[in-house]
């Protein structure tokens, strides 16, 4: 098989790969928040743990992540915004919080940022 005769096959393979990747991003609707399907995904868990850590450093609190209840994701230029509802324990009391975290893309040399953290119960 020559390169010329393999070209249509290569194009189909590339199109299939692009469609697979595009489906994941397009389902999230770039620029809009959409539901996080897998709350146990490592980047989601890391964002939640970072939110607790940064909140504790900023306020002197001593929260411990108990559970990620729900989440939304927004794909933006250079990264991802997560809006997470989490349960966190402060001593014996467990409260729910909304945490907003910016997570840069791996190739972007920027730190995570906690852009919001409020107690909702």
N, C-alpha and C. Protein backbone atom coordinates (compact mmCIF):
# COMPACT_ATOMS: atom_id res chain seq x y z
N UNK A 1 0.86 -1.17 0.00
CA UNK A 1 0.00 0.00 0.00
C UNK A 1 0.90 1.23 0.00
N UNK A 2 0.66 2.11 -0.92
CA UNK A 2 1.47 3.33 -1.00
C UNK A 2 0.84 4.41 -0.13
N UNK A 3 1.61 5.45 0.09
CA UNK A 3 1.12 6.57 0.88
C UNK A 3 -0.10 7.21 0.24
N UNK A 4 -0.10 7.30 -1.09
CA UNK A 4 -1.23 7.90 -1.80
C UNK A 4 -2.48 7.06 -1.62
N UNK A 5 -2.36 5.72 -1.72
CA UNK A 5 -3.54 4.87 -1.56
C UNK A 5 -3.98 4.78 -0.11
N UNK A 6 -3.09 5.05 0.83
CA UNK A 6 -3.43 5.01 2.25
C UNK A 6 -3.99 6.34 2.73
N UNK A 7 -3.90 7.39 1.92
CA UNK A 7 -4.34 8.72 2.33
C UNK A 7 -5.80 8.75 2.77
N UNK A 8 -6.75 8.16 2.01
CA UNK A 8 -8.14 8.19 2.48
C UNK A 8 -8.33 7.50 3.83
N UNK A 9 -7.62 6.41 4.03
CA UNK A 9 -7.70 5.70 5.31
C UNK A 9 -7.16 6.56 6.44
N UNK A 10 -6.04 7.22 6.20
CA UNK A 10 -5.46 8.10 7.21
C UNK A 10 -6.39 9.27 7.52
N UNK A 11 -7.01 9.82 6.51
CA UNK A 11 -7.94 10.93 6.72
C UNK A 11 -9.12 10.48 7.57
N UNK A 12 -9.68 9.31 7.26
CA UNK A 12 -10.78 8.78 8.06
C UNK A 12 -10.36 8.54 9.51
N UNK A 13 -9.18 8.01 9.70
CA UNK A 13 -8.66 7.77 11.05
C UNK A 13 -8.52 9.08 11.81
N UNK A 14 -7.95 10.09 11.16
CA UNK A 14 -7.80 11.40 11.80
C UNK A 14 -9.14 12.04 12.11
N UNK A 15 -10.08 11.94 11.18
CA UNK A 15 -11.41 12.49 11.41
C UNK A 15 -12.09 11.80 12.59
N UNK A 16 -11.97 10.50 12.66
CA UNK A 16 -12.56 9.77 13.78
C UNK A 16 -11.97 10.19 15.11
N UNK A 17 -10.66 10.35 15.15
CA UNK A 17 -9.99 10.79 16.37
C UNK A 17 -10.44 12.19 16.75
N UNK A 18 -10.49 13.08 15.76
CA UNK A 18 -10.91 14.46 16.02
C UNK A 18 -12.34 14.52 16.52
N UNK A 19 -13.22 13.72 15.90
CA UNK A 19 -14.62 13.71 16.33
C UNK A 19 -14.76 13.21 17.76
N UNK A 20 -13.98 12.19 18.11
CA UNK A 20 -14.02 11.67 19.48
C UNK A 20 -13.61 12.75 20.47
N UNK A 21 -12.51 13.42 20.20
CA UNK A 21 -12.04 14.48 21.10
C UNK A 21 -12.99 15.66 21.11
N UNK A 22 -13.52 16.02 19.94
CA UNK A 22 -14.42 17.16 19.85
C UNK A 22 -15.71 16.88 20.60
N UNK A 23 -16.21 15.67 20.58
CA UNK A 23 -17.44 15.34 21.27
C UNK A 23 -17.32 15.63 22.75
N UNK A 24 -16.21 15.26 23.34
CA UNK A 24 -16.02 15.49 24.77
C UNK A 24 -16.00 16.98 25.08
N UNK A 25 -15.30 17.75 24.28
CA UNK A 25 -15.21 19.19 24.52
C UNK A 25 -16.51 19.88 24.15
N UNK A 26 -17.11 19.52 23.02
CA UNK A 26 -18.33 20.17 22.57
C UNK A 26 -19.50 19.87 23.49
N UNK A 27 -19.55 18.68 24.05
CA UNK A 27 -20.61 18.37 25.00
C UNK A 27 -20.52 19.29 26.20
N UNK A 28 -19.34 19.77 26.51
CA UNK A 28 -19.16 20.67 27.63
C UNK A 28 -19.50 22.10 27.25
N UNK A 29 -19.68 22.39 25.96
CA UNK A 29 -19.99 23.73 25.46
C UNK A 29 -18.99 24.74 26.01
N UNK A 30 -17.95 24.93 25.27
CA UNK A 30 -16.88 25.85 25.66
C UNK A 30 -17.47 27.18 26.07
N UNK A 31 -17.06 27.68 27.23
CA UNK A 31 -17.53 28.97 27.73
C UNK A 31 -18.75 28.89 28.62
N UNK A 32 -19.46 27.78 28.63
CA UNK A 32 -20.63 27.61 29.48
C UNK A 32 -20.35 26.52 30.51
N UNK A 33 -21.00 26.65 31.65
CA UNK A 33 -20.87 25.59 32.65
C UNK A 33 -21.74 24.40 32.24
N UNK A 34 -21.20 23.22 32.44
CA UNK A 34 -21.95 21.99 32.21
C UNK A 34 -21.66 21.02 33.35
N UNK A 35 -22.53 20.06 33.49
CA UNK A 35 -22.48 19.08 34.58
C UNK A 35 -21.22 18.21 34.49
N UNK A 36 -20.56 17.99 35.61
CA UNK A 36 -19.43 17.06 35.68
C UNK A 36 -20.00 15.65 35.80
N UNK A 37 -19.66 14.81 34.84
CA UNK A 37 -20.19 13.45 34.82
C UNK A 37 -19.54 12.55 35.87
N UNK A 38 -18.23 12.65 36.02
CA UNK A 38 -17.49 11.75 36.91
C UNK A 38 -16.81 12.56 38.01
N UNK A 39 -17.42 12.59 39.18
CA UNK A 39 -16.88 13.37 40.30
C UNK A 39 -15.62 12.76 40.89
N UNK A 40 -15.31 11.52 40.52
CA UNK A 40 -14.10 10.87 41.03
C UNK A 40 -12.92 11.06 40.08
N UNK A 41 -13.12 11.78 38.98
CA UNK A 41 -12.04 12.05 38.04
C UNK A 41 -10.91 12.77 38.78
N UNK A 42 -9.67 12.37 38.58
CA UNK A 42 -8.56 12.95 39.35
C UNK A 42 -8.47 14.47 39.33
N UNK A 43 -8.75 15.12 38.19
CA UNK A 43 -8.67 16.58 38.15
C UNK A 43 -9.76 17.23 39.00
N UNK A 44 -10.94 16.59 39.08
CA UNK A 44 -12.03 17.12 39.90
C UNK A 44 -11.67 16.98 41.38
N UNK A 45 -11.17 15.82 41.75
CA UNK A 45 -10.77 15.58 43.15
C UNK A 45 -9.63 16.53 43.54
N UNK A 46 -8.67 16.72 42.65
CA UNK A 46 -7.56 17.63 42.93
C UNK A 46 -8.06 19.06 43.11
N UNK A 47 -9.02 19.47 42.29
CA UNK A 47 -9.59 20.82 42.42
C UNK A 47 -10.28 20.98 43.77
N UNK A 48 -11.03 19.96 44.20
CA UNK A 48 -11.73 20.03 45.49
C UNK A 48 -10.72 20.06 46.65
N UNK A 49 -9.70 19.22 46.58
CA UNK A 49 -8.68 19.22 47.63
C UNK A 49 -7.93 20.54 47.67
N UNK A 50 -7.64 21.11 46.50
CA UNK A 50 -6.98 22.40 46.45
C UNK A 50 -7.87 23.48 47.09
N UNK A 51 -9.16 23.44 46.81
CA UNK A 51 -10.09 24.44 47.39
C UNK A 51 -10.04 24.40 48.92
N UNK A 52 -10.07 23.20 49.47
CA UNK A 52 -9.99 23.06 50.94
C UNK A 52 -8.66 23.58 51.45
N UNK A 53 -7.58 23.16 50.82
CA UNK A 53 -6.24 23.59 51.22
C UNK A 53 -6.10 25.11 51.19
N UNK A 54 -6.49 25.71 50.06
CA UNK A 54 -6.33 27.17 49.90
C UNK A 54 -7.21 27.93 50.88
N UNK A 55 -8.44 27.44 51.09
CA UNK A 55 -9.33 28.07 52.07
C UNK A 55 -8.72 28.00 53.47
N UNK A 56 -8.17 26.85 53.83
CA UNK A 56 -7.55 26.70 55.14
C UNK A 56 -6.36 27.64 55.31
N UNK A 57 -5.52 27.75 54.28
CA UNK A 57 -4.36 28.65 54.34
C UNK A 57 -4.82 30.10 54.47
N UNK A 58 -5.84 30.48 53.70
CA UNK A 58 -6.30 31.87 53.70
C UNK A 58 -7.02 32.26 54.98
N UNK A 59 -7.71 31.32 55.61
CA UNK A 59 -8.57 31.67 56.75
C UNK A 59 -8.10 31.10 58.09
N UNK A 60 -7.16 30.16 58.06
CA UNK A 60 -6.75 29.52 59.30
C UNK A 60 -7.69 28.41 59.74
N UNK A 61 -8.65 28.07 58.90
CA UNK A 61 -9.59 26.98 59.21
C UNK A 61 -8.85 25.65 59.11
N UNK A 62 -9.54 24.60 59.51
CA UNK A 62 -8.95 23.26 59.44
C UNK A 62 -10.00 22.29 58.91
N UNK A 63 -10.40 22.50 57.64
CA UNK A 63 -11.41 21.66 57.03
C UNK A 63 -10.79 20.39 56.47
N UNK A 64 -11.62 19.35 56.37
CA UNK A 64 -11.22 18.10 55.76
C UNK A 64 -12.29 17.71 54.75
N UNK A 65 -11.88 17.45 53.52
CA UNK A 65 -12.83 17.06 52.47
C UNK A 65 -13.49 15.73 52.83
N UNK A 66 -14.81 15.72 52.80
CA UNK A 66 -15.57 14.51 53.08
C UNK A 66 -16.10 13.90 51.79
N UNK A 67 -16.71 14.76 50.94
CA UNK A 67 -17.33 14.25 49.72
C UNK A 67 -17.52 15.39 48.72
N UNK A 68 -17.39 15.05 47.45
CA UNK A 68 -17.77 15.97 46.38
C UNK A 68 -19.19 15.59 46.00
N UNK A 69 -20.12 16.51 46.19
CA UNK A 69 -21.54 16.22 46.00
C UNK A 69 -21.96 16.42 44.55
N UNK A 70 -21.53 17.52 43.96
CA UNK A 70 -21.86 17.79 42.57
C UNK A 70 -20.83 18.76 42.01
N UNK A 71 -20.86 18.90 40.70
CA UNK A 71 -19.89 19.80 40.09
C UNK A 71 -20.31 20.24 38.70
N UNK A 72 -19.80 21.40 38.35
CA UNK A 72 -19.96 21.93 37.01
C UNK A 72 -18.58 22.30 36.50
N UNK A 73 -18.42 22.26 35.20
CA UNK A 73 -17.13 22.57 34.58
C UNK A 73 -17.36 23.57 33.46
N UNK A 74 -16.42 24.49 33.33
CA UNK A 74 -16.45 25.48 32.26
C UNK A 74 -15.07 25.51 31.63
N UNK A 75 -15.01 25.20 30.32
CA UNK A 75 -13.74 25.23 29.61
C UNK A 75 -13.50 26.64 29.11
N UNK A 76 -12.35 27.20 29.48
CA UNK A 76 -11.98 28.55 29.09
C UNK A 76 -10.59 28.52 28.47
N UNK A 77 -10.20 29.62 27.88
CA UNK A 77 -8.87 29.69 27.28
C UNK A 77 -7.83 29.48 28.37
N UNK A 78 -6.98 28.49 28.19
CA UNK A 78 -5.89 28.26 29.12
C UNK A 78 -6.23 27.40 30.32
N UNK A 79 -7.49 26.96 30.45
CA UNK A 79 -7.79 26.15 31.61
C UNK A 79 -9.25 25.77 31.75
N UNK A 80 -9.59 25.40 32.98
CA UNK A 80 -10.92 24.91 33.30
C UNK A 80 -11.35 25.54 34.61
N UNK A 81 -12.60 26.00 34.65
CA UNK A 81 -13.19 26.45 35.91
C UNK A 81 -14.09 25.34 36.43
N UNK A 82 -13.91 25.01 37.70
CA UNK A 82 -14.79 24.04 38.35
C UNK A 82 -15.61 24.78 39.39
N UNK A 83 -16.90 24.49 39.43
CA UNK A 83 -17.79 24.95 40.50
C UNK A 83 -18.29 23.69 41.18
N UNK A 84 -17.80 23.47 42.39
CA UNK A 84 -18.06 22.22 43.09
C UNK A 84 -18.87 22.46 44.36
N UNK A 85 -19.79 21.57 44.61
CA UNK A 85 -20.48 21.53 45.91
C UNK A 85 -19.83 20.38 46.67
N UNK A 86 -19.29 20.71 47.84
CA UNK A 86 -18.54 19.71 48.61
C UNK A 86 -19.02 19.69 50.05
N UNK A 87 -18.87 18.55 50.68
CA UNK A 87 -19.04 18.43 52.13
C UNK A 87 -17.65 18.43 52.73
N UNK A 88 -17.47 19.26 53.75
CA UNK A 88 -16.19 19.31 54.45
C UNK A 88 -16.45 19.31 55.95
N UNK A 89 -15.54 18.68 56.66
CA UNK A 89 -15.67 18.55 58.10
C UNK A 89 -14.74 19.52 58.81
N UNK A 90 -15.30 20.22 59.78
CA UNK A 90 -14.54 21.14 60.63
C UNK A 90 -14.71 20.64 62.05
N UNK A 91 -13.76 19.84 62.51
CA UNK A 91 -13.92 19.20 63.82
C UNK A 91 -14.94 18.09 63.71
N UNK A 92 -16.07 18.24 64.39
CA UNK A 92 -17.12 17.22 64.34
C UNK A 92 -18.26 17.60 63.40
N UNK A 93 -18.33 18.87 63.01
CA UNK A 93 -19.42 19.34 62.17
C UNK A 93 -19.08 19.22 60.69
N UNK A 94 -20.05 18.72 59.91
CA UNK A 94 -19.91 18.65 58.46
C UNK A 94 -20.83 19.69 57.84
N UNK A 95 -20.26 20.55 57.00
CA UNK A 95 -21.02 21.58 56.32
C UNK A 95 -20.84 21.43 54.82
N UNK A 96 -21.74 22.05 54.07
CA UNK A 96 -21.58 22.05 52.61
C UNK A 96 -21.07 23.40 52.16
N UNK A 97 -20.26 23.37 51.12
CA UNK A 97 -19.61 24.57 50.59
C UNK A 97 -19.70 24.56 49.07
N UNK A 98 -19.70 25.76 48.51
CA UNK A 98 -19.52 25.90 47.07
C UNK A 98 -18.12 26.44 46.85
N UNK A 99 -17.35 25.72 46.06
CA UNK A 99 -15.96 26.12 45.79
C UNK A 99 -15.79 26.33 44.29
N UNK A 100 -15.21 27.46 43.93
CA UNK A 100 -14.89 27.76 42.54
C UNK A 100 -13.37 27.74 42.39
N UNK A 101 -12.90 26.90 41.48
CA UNK A 101 -11.45 26.71 41.31
C UNK A 101 -11.10 26.80 39.83
N UNK A 102 -10.08 27.57 39.52
CA UNK A 102 -9.52 27.62 38.18
C UNK A 102 -8.34 26.67 38.12
N UNK A 103 -8.37 25.75 37.16
CA UNK A 103 -7.29 24.78 36.96
C UNK A 103 -6.70 25.03 35.58
N UNK A 104 -5.44 25.45 35.51
CA UNK A 104 -4.84 25.70 34.20
C UNK A 104 -4.59 24.41 33.44
N UNK A 105 -4.53 24.52 32.12
CA UNK A 105 -4.16 23.37 31.31
C UNK A 105 -2.74 22.95 31.67
N UNK A 106 -2.42 21.66 31.52
CA UNK A 106 -1.08 21.18 31.89
C UNK A 106 0.06 21.94 31.21
N UNK A 107 -0.15 22.40 29.99
CA UNK A 107 0.93 23.09 29.28
C UNK A 107 1.06 24.55 29.67
N UNK A 108 0.12 25.05 30.45
CA UNK A 108 0.15 26.45 30.89
C UNK A 108 0.83 26.51 32.25
N UNK A 109 1.87 27.32 32.36
CA UNK A 109 2.59 27.38 33.63
C UNK A 109 1.94 28.45 34.52
N UNK A 110 0.80 28.07 35.08
CA UNK A 110 0.07 28.95 36.00
C UNK A 110 -0.42 28.10 37.16
N UNK A 111 -0.58 28.71 38.31
CA UNK A 111 -1.04 27.94 39.47
C UNK A 111 -2.57 27.78 39.48
N UNK A 112 -3.04 26.80 40.24
CA UNK A 112 -4.46 26.71 40.52
C UNK A 112 -4.86 28.00 41.24
N UNK A 113 -6.13 28.41 41.11
CA UNK A 113 -6.62 29.59 41.83
C UNK A 113 -7.97 29.28 42.43
N UNK A 114 -8.13 29.60 43.71
CA UNK A 114 -9.43 29.53 44.36
C UNK A 114 -10.13 30.85 44.11
N UNK A 115 -11.21 30.82 43.31
CA UNK A 115 -11.87 32.07 42.94
C UNK A 115 -13.15 32.31 43.73
N UNK A 116 -13.56 31.32 44.52
CA UNK A 116 -14.73 31.48 45.38
C UNK A 116 -14.84 30.31 46.34
N UNK A 117 -15.29 30.62 47.56
CA UNK A 117 -15.49 29.55 48.54
C UNK A 117 -16.47 30.06 49.57
N UNK A 118 -17.69 29.52 49.54
CA UNK A 118 -18.70 29.97 50.50
C UNK A 118 -19.39 28.76 51.15
N UNK A 119 -19.75 28.94 52.40
CA UNK A 119 -20.51 27.90 53.10
C UNK A 119 -21.97 28.07 52.70
N UNK A 120 -22.61 26.96 52.32
CA UNK A 120 -24.00 27.05 51.92
C UNK A 120 -24.94 26.33 52.88
N UNK A 121 -24.42 25.73 53.95
CA UNK A 121 -25.26 25.18 55.01
C UNK A 121 -24.46 25.07 56.28
